N, C-alpha and C. Protein backbone atom coordinates (compact mmCIF):
# COMPACT_ATOMS: atom_id res chain seq x y z
N MET A 1 2.03 12.68 1.18
CA MET A 1 2.11 11.86 0.00
C MET A 1 1.72 10.43 0.35
N VAL A 2 1.41 9.65 -0.68
CA VAL A 2 1.05 8.24 -0.49
C VAL A 2 2.31 7.40 -0.65
N VAL A 3 2.50 6.47 0.29
CA VAL A 3 3.64 5.57 0.23
C VAL A 3 3.14 4.13 0.29
N ALA A 4 3.97 3.20 -0.18
CA ALA A 4 3.62 1.78 -0.17
C ALA A 4 4.84 0.97 0.23
N ASN A 5 4.57 -0.23 0.76
CA ASN A 5 5.69 -1.11 1.10
C ASN A 5 5.66 -2.34 0.20
N ASP A 6 6.57 -3.26 0.41
CA ASP A 6 6.67 -4.43 -0.46
C ASP A 6 5.54 -5.43 -0.26
N GLN A 7 4.70 -5.22 0.73
CA GLN A 7 3.53 -6.06 0.97
C GLN A 7 2.26 -5.43 0.40
N ASP A 8 2.42 -4.38 -0.41
CA ASP A 8 1.29 -3.66 -1.02
C ASP A 8 0.37 -3.05 0.03
N GLN A 9 0.95 -2.57 1.11
CA GLN A 9 0.23 -1.83 2.13
C GLN A 9 0.52 -0.35 1.91
N TYR A 10 -0.46 0.51 2.15
CA TYR A 10 -0.34 1.93 1.84
C TYR A 10 -0.49 2.77 3.09
N SER A 11 0.08 3.97 3.03
CA SER A 11 -0.02 4.92 4.13
C SER A 11 0.21 6.33 3.59
N THR A 12 -0.06 7.31 4.44
CA THR A 12 0.32 8.68 4.12
C THR A 12 1.63 8.98 4.84
N TRP A 13 2.39 9.91 4.26
CA TRP A 13 3.68 10.27 4.85
C TRP A 13 3.97 11.71 4.48
N PRO A 14 4.51 12.50 5.42
CA PRO A 14 4.86 13.89 5.10
C PRO A 14 5.92 13.94 3.99
N ALA A 15 5.65 14.69 2.94
CA ALA A 15 6.54 14.75 1.77
C ALA A 15 7.93 15.26 2.12
N GLU A 16 8.03 16.08 3.14
CA GLU A 16 9.32 16.67 3.48
C GLU A 16 10.20 15.75 4.34
N ARG A 17 9.65 14.62 4.78
CA ARG A 17 10.42 13.70 5.62
C ARG A 17 10.98 12.55 4.78
N GLU A 18 12.12 12.04 5.20
CA GLU A 18 12.73 10.89 4.54
C GLU A 18 11.86 9.67 4.76
N LEU A 19 11.72 8.85 3.73
CA LEU A 19 10.91 7.64 3.85
C LEU A 19 11.59 6.63 4.75
N PRO A 20 10.81 5.91 5.55
CA PRO A 20 11.40 4.84 6.36
C PRO A 20 11.82 3.67 5.47
N ALA A 21 12.73 2.87 5.95
CA ALA A 21 13.20 1.71 5.20
C ALA A 21 12.02 0.81 4.82
N GLY A 22 12.04 0.33 3.60
CA GLY A 22 11.01 -0.59 3.14
C GLY A 22 9.79 0.08 2.52
N TRP A 23 9.76 1.39 2.48
CA TRP A 23 8.63 2.12 1.91
C TRP A 23 9.11 2.92 0.69
N ARG A 24 8.21 3.09 -0.27
CA ARG A 24 8.52 3.86 -1.49
C ARG A 24 7.36 4.82 -1.76
N ALA A 25 7.66 5.90 -2.44
CA ALA A 25 6.62 6.85 -2.83
C ALA A 25 5.76 6.22 -3.92
N GLU A 26 4.45 6.29 -3.77
CA GLU A 26 3.53 5.75 -4.76
C GLU A 26 3.36 6.72 -5.92
N GLY A 27 3.48 8.02 -5.64
CA GLY A 27 3.38 9.02 -6.70
C GLY A 27 2.34 10.09 -6.45
N THR A 28 1.42 9.83 -5.54
CA THR A 28 0.37 10.80 -5.23
C THR A 28 0.83 11.74 -4.13
N ARG A 29 0.67 13.03 -4.40
CA ARG A 29 0.95 14.06 -3.39
C ARG A 29 -0.24 14.98 -3.29
N GLY A 30 -0.53 15.43 -2.12
CA GLY A 30 -1.65 16.35 -1.92
C GLY A 30 -1.95 16.46 -0.44
N ASP A 31 -3.12 17.02 -0.16
CA ASP A 31 -3.49 17.11 1.25
C ASP A 31 -3.92 15.73 1.74
N GLU A 32 -4.13 15.61 3.04
CA GLU A 32 -4.42 14.30 3.63
C GLU A 32 -5.67 13.67 3.02
N ALA A 33 -6.72 14.46 2.82
CA ALA A 33 -7.96 13.91 2.27
C ALA A 33 -7.73 13.34 0.86
N GLU A 34 -6.98 14.04 0.03
CA GLU A 34 -6.69 13.57 -1.31
C GLU A 34 -5.89 12.27 -1.26
N CYS A 35 -4.90 12.21 -0.39
CA CYS A 35 -4.07 11.01 -0.26
C CYS A 35 -4.90 9.83 0.24
N LEU A 36 -5.79 10.07 1.20
CA LEU A 36 -6.63 9.00 1.71
C LEU A 36 -7.60 8.49 0.66
N ARG A 37 -8.12 9.38 -0.18
CA ARG A 37 -8.98 8.95 -1.28
C ARG A 37 -8.21 8.05 -2.24
N ARG A 38 -6.97 8.41 -2.53
CA ARG A 38 -6.14 7.61 -3.43
C ARG A 38 -5.88 6.23 -2.82
N ILE A 39 -5.56 6.19 -1.53
CA ILE A 39 -5.32 4.91 -0.86
C ILE A 39 -6.58 4.04 -0.92
N GLU A 40 -7.72 4.64 -0.75
CA GLU A 40 -8.99 3.90 -0.80
C GLU A 40 -9.18 3.21 -2.15
N THR A 41 -8.73 3.84 -3.24
CA THR A 41 -8.87 3.23 -4.55
C THR A 41 -7.80 2.16 -4.81
N LEU A 42 -6.63 2.32 -4.21
CA LEU A 42 -5.52 1.38 -4.43
C LEU A 42 -5.58 0.14 -3.54
N TRP A 43 -5.91 0.34 -2.28
CA TRP A 43 -5.77 -0.71 -1.27
C TRP A 43 -7.11 -1.38 -1.02
N THR A 44 -7.48 -2.26 -1.94
CA THR A 44 -8.79 -2.91 -1.83
C THR A 44 -8.72 -4.23 -1.08
N ASP A 45 -7.54 -4.79 -0.93
CA ASP A 45 -7.35 -6.04 -0.18
C ASP A 45 -6.39 -5.72 0.97
N MET A 46 -6.91 -5.72 2.18
CA MET A 46 -6.12 -5.30 3.33
C MET A 46 -5.08 -6.33 3.78
N ARG A 47 -5.16 -7.54 3.22
CA ARG A 47 -4.19 -8.56 3.61
C ARG A 47 -2.81 -8.22 3.04
N PRO A 48 -1.74 -8.52 3.79
CA PRO A 48 -0.41 -8.37 3.22
C PRO A 48 -0.29 -9.26 1.99
N ARG A 49 0.51 -8.86 1.03
CA ARG A 49 0.65 -9.61 -0.22
C ARG A 49 1.02 -11.06 0.02
N ASP A 50 1.95 -11.34 0.94
CA ASP A 50 2.36 -12.72 1.21
C ASP A 50 1.15 -13.58 1.61
N LEU A 51 0.32 -13.07 2.48
CA LEU A 51 -0.86 -13.82 2.93
C LEU A 51 -1.84 -14.01 1.78
N SER A 52 -2.07 -12.99 1.01
CA SER A 52 -2.98 -13.09 -0.13
C SER A 52 -2.51 -14.15 -1.12
N GLU A 53 -1.21 -14.18 -1.39
CA GLU A 53 -0.64 -15.17 -2.31
C GLU A 53 -0.76 -16.58 -1.74
N GLN A 54 -0.52 -16.74 -0.44
CA GLN A 54 -0.65 -18.05 0.19
C GLN A 54 -2.08 -18.55 0.12
N MET A 55 -3.03 -17.67 0.38
CA MET A 55 -4.44 -18.07 0.37
C MET A 55 -4.88 -18.42 -1.06
N SER A 56 -4.42 -17.67 -2.05
CA SER A 56 -4.76 -17.98 -3.43
C SER A 56 -4.18 -19.32 -3.86
N ALA A 57 -2.96 -19.61 -3.45
CA ALA A 57 -2.32 -20.88 -3.80
C ALA A 57 -3.05 -22.04 -3.14
N ALA A 58 -3.54 -21.85 -1.94
CA ALA A 58 -4.25 -22.92 -1.22
C ALA A 58 -5.60 -23.21 -1.88
N GLU A 59 -6.17 -22.24 -2.57
CA GLU A 59 -7.48 -22.41 -3.22
C GLU A 59 -7.36 -23.10 -4.58
N GLU A 60 -6.17 -23.12 -5.17
CA GLU A 60 -5.99 -23.70 -6.50
C GLU A 60 -6.14 -25.22 -6.42
N PRO A 61 -6.84 -25.81 -7.43
CA PRO A 61 -6.97 -27.27 -7.44
C PRO A 61 -5.62 -27.94 -7.64
N ARG A 62 -5.47 -29.09 -7.03
CA ARG A 62 -4.18 -29.80 -7.11
C ARG A 62 -4.22 -30.85 -8.16
């Protein structure tokens, strides 16, 4: 299944295993190829959310 953390980073995880702390199920379940295709559509910015937000704030005019 596809999982995500609070930094909007994605991974695959075996559905039968308990999720590690800080990760949540995204909702997609399937074989590895299907899950990786889903991640490819979701995770278009590889930067952690905190970094992305900091960089966007630095670009805003003052």
